[in-house]
Amino acid sequence: RVMALWDRGEPSPTYIYRRGDYQSPDAPVEPGVTAALAGGQGSVPIQPPRPDATSTGRRLAFARWLTQPEQPLTARVIANRLWQHHFGRGIVRTPSDFGYQGTPPSHPDLLDWLASELMAQHWSMKQLHRLMVTSTTYRLASTPDAANAKIDPDNIYLWRMNSRRMEAEVVRDN
């Protein structure tokens, strides 16, 4: 038996199930976005990609919705993850939770600027990586300073580069 996933022409209906029981379907649900993410705009305009297409166009419509300039959450999450990769800690310390339960960003303007740069560079991650590793913040020394450590012991204000463990692959390559 082979499990596969494909996009066929006519989609199957999706239902809300009463009490979570798959054998008791209730009202059918149209494709859209969760209201918490959509900000009041739950519908995603779905059009087939071409007149002769066999695809429904749902995945393409959702991808376009995710990457539109009016939806900065996607770019913010990506920028935060890349920052975390390079600096050891994200601008938002809870990278999997940008919501109310997560921590607020330590530098919200920086996060917004990085997200806007990512979109301005046509979603080029390479350009965002380059921007981060050529920044003055990335090139800071990790030498501790007693005066700064007294003011900001957790280095939230990025006055030095945090010391980090090297991965085995990096040690081998060096």
Protein backbone atom coordinates (compact mmCIF):
# COMPACT_ATOMS: atom_id res chain seq x y z
CA ARG A 1 0.00 0.00 0.00
CA VAL A 2 1.33 3.43 -0.94
CA MET A 3 0.23 6.63 0.79
CA ALA A 4 0.21 9.63 -1.56
CA LEU A 5 -1.07 13.18 -1.67
CA TRP A 6 -2.11 15.00 -4.80
CA ASP A 7 -4.30 17.87 -5.86
CA ARG A 8 -7.24 16.65 -7.87
CA GLY A 9 -9.73 18.71 -9.80
CA GLU A 10 -12.84 18.70 -7.61
CA PRO A 11 -12.10 18.92 -3.86
CA SER A 12 -13.93 16.78 -1.34
CA PRO A 13 -16.17 18.70 1.06
CA THR A 14 -14.78 19.44 4.53
CA TYR A 15 -17.05 19.38 7.56
CA ILE A 16 -17.06 20.48 11.17
CA TYR A 17 -17.57 17.33 13.22
CA ARG A 18 -19.85 17.37 16.25
CA ARG A 19 -17.81 16.84 19.41
CA GLY A 20 -14.85 15.80 17.23
CA ASP A 21 -16.50 12.56 16.13
CA TYR A 22 -15.61 11.86 12.48
CA GLN A 23 -18.83 9.91 12.04
CA SER A 24 -21.08 12.88 12.84
CA PRO A 25 -20.41 15.64 10.30
CA ASP A 26 -22.18 18.95 10.77
CA ALA A 27 -21.99 22.02 8.54
CA PRO A 28 -19.59 22.07 5.57
CA VAL A 29 -16.62 24.45 5.79
CA GLU A 30 -15.23 26.50 2.92
CA PRO A 31 -11.44 26.96 2.57
CA GLY A 32 -10.06 29.98 4.37
CA VAL A 33 -7.72 31.14 7.08
CA THR A 34 -8.12 30.97 10.84
CA ALA A 35 -9.71 34.19 12.12
CA ALA A 36 -6.84 34.70 14.59
CA LEU A 37 -4.38 34.93 11.69
CA ALA A 38 -6.60 36.67 9.19
CA GLY A 39 -7.41 39.72 11.30
CA GLY A 40 -11.06 39.72 10.24
CA GLN A 41 -10.34 38.71 6.64
CA GLY A 42 -10.96 34.97 6.82
CA SER A 43 -11.63 34.37 3.14
CA VAL A 44 -8.84 33.71 0.66
CA PRO A 45 -9.72 34.43 -2.98
CA ILE A 46 -9.29 31.11 -4.78
CA GLN A 47 -8.93 30.97 -8.53
CA PRO A 48 -7.65 28.14 -10.71
CA PRO A 49 -4.09 28.93 -11.87
CA ARG A 50 -5.02 28.60 -15.56
CA PRO A 51 -8.24 27.92 -17.45
CA ASP A 52 -7.05 24.44 -18.42
CA ALA A 53 -5.58 23.58 -14.99
CA THR A 54 -6.48 20.34 -13.24
CA SER A 55 -5.53 21.84 -9.87
CA THR A 56 -8.02 23.64 -7.64
CA GLY A 57 -5.62 26.51 -6.95
CA ARG A 58 -6.14 26.32 -3.18
CA ARG A 59 -2.48 25.83 -2.27
CA LEU A 60 -1.36 28.60 -4.62
CA ALA A 61 -4.02 30.97 -3.22
CA PHE A 62 -2.91 30.22 0.34
CA ALA A 63 0.76 30.74 -0.57
CA ARG A 64 -0.07 34.08 -2.14
CA TRP A 65 -2.08 35.09 0.93
CA LEU A 66 0.81 34.16 3.23
CA THR A 67 3.33 36.24 1.28
CA GLN A 68 1.31 39.37 0.58
CA PRO A 69 2.69 42.64 2.01
CA GLU A 70 -0.43 43.15 4.14
CA GLN A 71 0.40 39.89 5.99
CA PRO A 72 3.78 40.57 7.69
CA LEU A 73 3.55 37.69 10.18
CA THR A 74 5.18 35.19 7.82
CA ALA A 75 8.15 37.46 7.11
CA ARG A 76 8.51 38.27 10.82
CA VAL A 77 8.62 34.58 11.76
CA ILE A 78 11.22 33.82 9.09
CA ALA A 79 13.37 36.82 10.06
CA ASN A 80 13.18 35.82 13.73
CA ARG A 81 14.22 32.22 12.93
CA LEU A 82 17.19 33.39 10.89
CA TRP A 83 18.20 35.80 13.66
CA GLN A 84 17.99 32.93 16.14
CA HIS A 85 20.17 30.79 13.87
CA HIS A 86 22.91 33.42 13.72
CA PHE A 87 22.73 34.91 17.21
CA GLY A 88 21.65 31.93 19.30
CA ARG A 89 18.46 33.62 20.51
CA GLY A 90 15.63 35.13 18.53
CA ILE A 91 14.39 38.70 18.75
CA VAL A 92 11.23 37.02 19.98
CA ARG A 93 12.52 34.51 22.54
CA THR A 94 9.63 32.12 21.86
CA PRO A 95 10.02 31.47 18.11
CA SER A 96 7.16 28.99 18.02
CA ASP A 97 4.72 31.37 19.70
CA PHE A 98 4.30 34.91 18.36
CA GLY A 99 0.93 35.18 20.08
CA TYR A 100 -0.20 36.48 23.44
CA GLN A 101 1.39 33.61 25.36
CA GLY A 102 4.81 34.22 23.80
CA THR A 103 7.31 36.84 24.87
CA PRO A 104 7.21 40.22 23.16
CA PRO A 105 10.13 41.06 20.84
CA SER A 106 13.16 42.64 22.49
CA HIS A 107 13.66 44.88 19.42
CA PRO A 108 10.29 45.17 17.61
CA ASP A 109 11.49 47.85 15.17
CA LEU A 110 14.45 45.67 14.15
CA LEU A 111 12.16 42.68 13.60
CA ASP A 112 9.78 44.77 11.48
CA TRP A 113 12.68 46.18 9.47
CA LEU A 114 14.15 42.72 8.83
CA ALA A 115 10.73 41.44 7.75
CA SER A 116 10.26 44.37 5.37
CA GLU A 117 13.77 43.82 3.96
CA LEU A 118 12.94 40.16 3.36
CA MET A 119 9.83 41.12 1.40
CA ALA A 120 11.65 43.93 -0.45
CA GLN A 121 14.35 41.43 -1.54
CA HIS A 122 11.65 39.17 -3.04
CA TRP A 123 11.84 36.70 -0.15
CA SER A 124 15.53 35.98 -0.71
CA MET A 125 16.81 34.25 2.42
CA LYS A 126 20.35 34.51 1.09
CA GLN A 127 20.08 38.31 1.11
CA LEU A 128 18.74 38.29 4.67
CA HIS A 129 21.54 35.96 5.82
CA ARG A 130 24.06 38.29 4.18
CA LEU A 131 22.48 41.32 5.83
CA MET A 132 22.72 39.72 9.28
CA VAL A 133 26.27 38.36 9.07
CA THR A 134 27.67 41.62 7.72
CA SER A 135 26.01 43.67 10.46
CA THR A 136 27.99 45.37 13.21
CA THR A 137 26.02 43.42 15.81
CA TYR A 138 27.12 40.08 14.35
CA ARG A 139 30.76 41.19 14.31
CA LEU A 140 30.82 42.23 17.98
CA ALA A 141 33.33 40.54 20.24
CA SER A 142 32.07 38.18 22.94
CA THR A 143 34.41 39.62 25.56
CA PRO A 144 32.47 40.46 28.71
CA ASP A 145 32.47 44.01 30.05
CA ALA A 146 31.75 44.46 33.75
CA ALA A 147 29.91 47.78 33.34
CA ASN A 148 27.62 46.51 30.59
CA ALA A 149 27.12 43.15 32.33
CA LYS A 150 25.88 45.00 35.41
CA ILE A 151 23.31 46.94 33.36
CA ASP A 152 22.28 44.12 31.02
CA PRO A 153 23.43 40.69 32.28
CA ASP A 154 21.27 38.76 29.77
CA ASN A 155 22.62 40.76 26.81
CA ILE A 156 19.12 41.72 25.67
CA TYR A 157 20.42 45.01 24.24
CA LEU A 158 23.06 43.16 22.17
CA TRP A 159 26.16 44.90 23.52
CA ARG A 160 28.28 41.79 22.81
CA MET A 161 28.03 38.57 20.83
CA ASN A 162 26.92 35.66 22.98
CA SER A 163 29.35 32.76 23.24
CA ARG A 164 27.93 29.68 21.58
CA ARG A 165 28.86 26.06 21.23
CA MET A 166 30.13 25.01 17.85
CA GLU A 167 28.40 22.16 16.15
CA ALA A 168 30.51 19.10 15.38
CA GLU A 169 30.39 19.79 11.65
CA VAL A 170 31.80 23.29 12.13
CA VAL A 171 34.56 21.99 14.40
CA ARG A 172 35.48 19.37 11.79
CA ASP A 173 35.50 21.93 8.98
CA ASN A 174 37.73 24.29 10.97
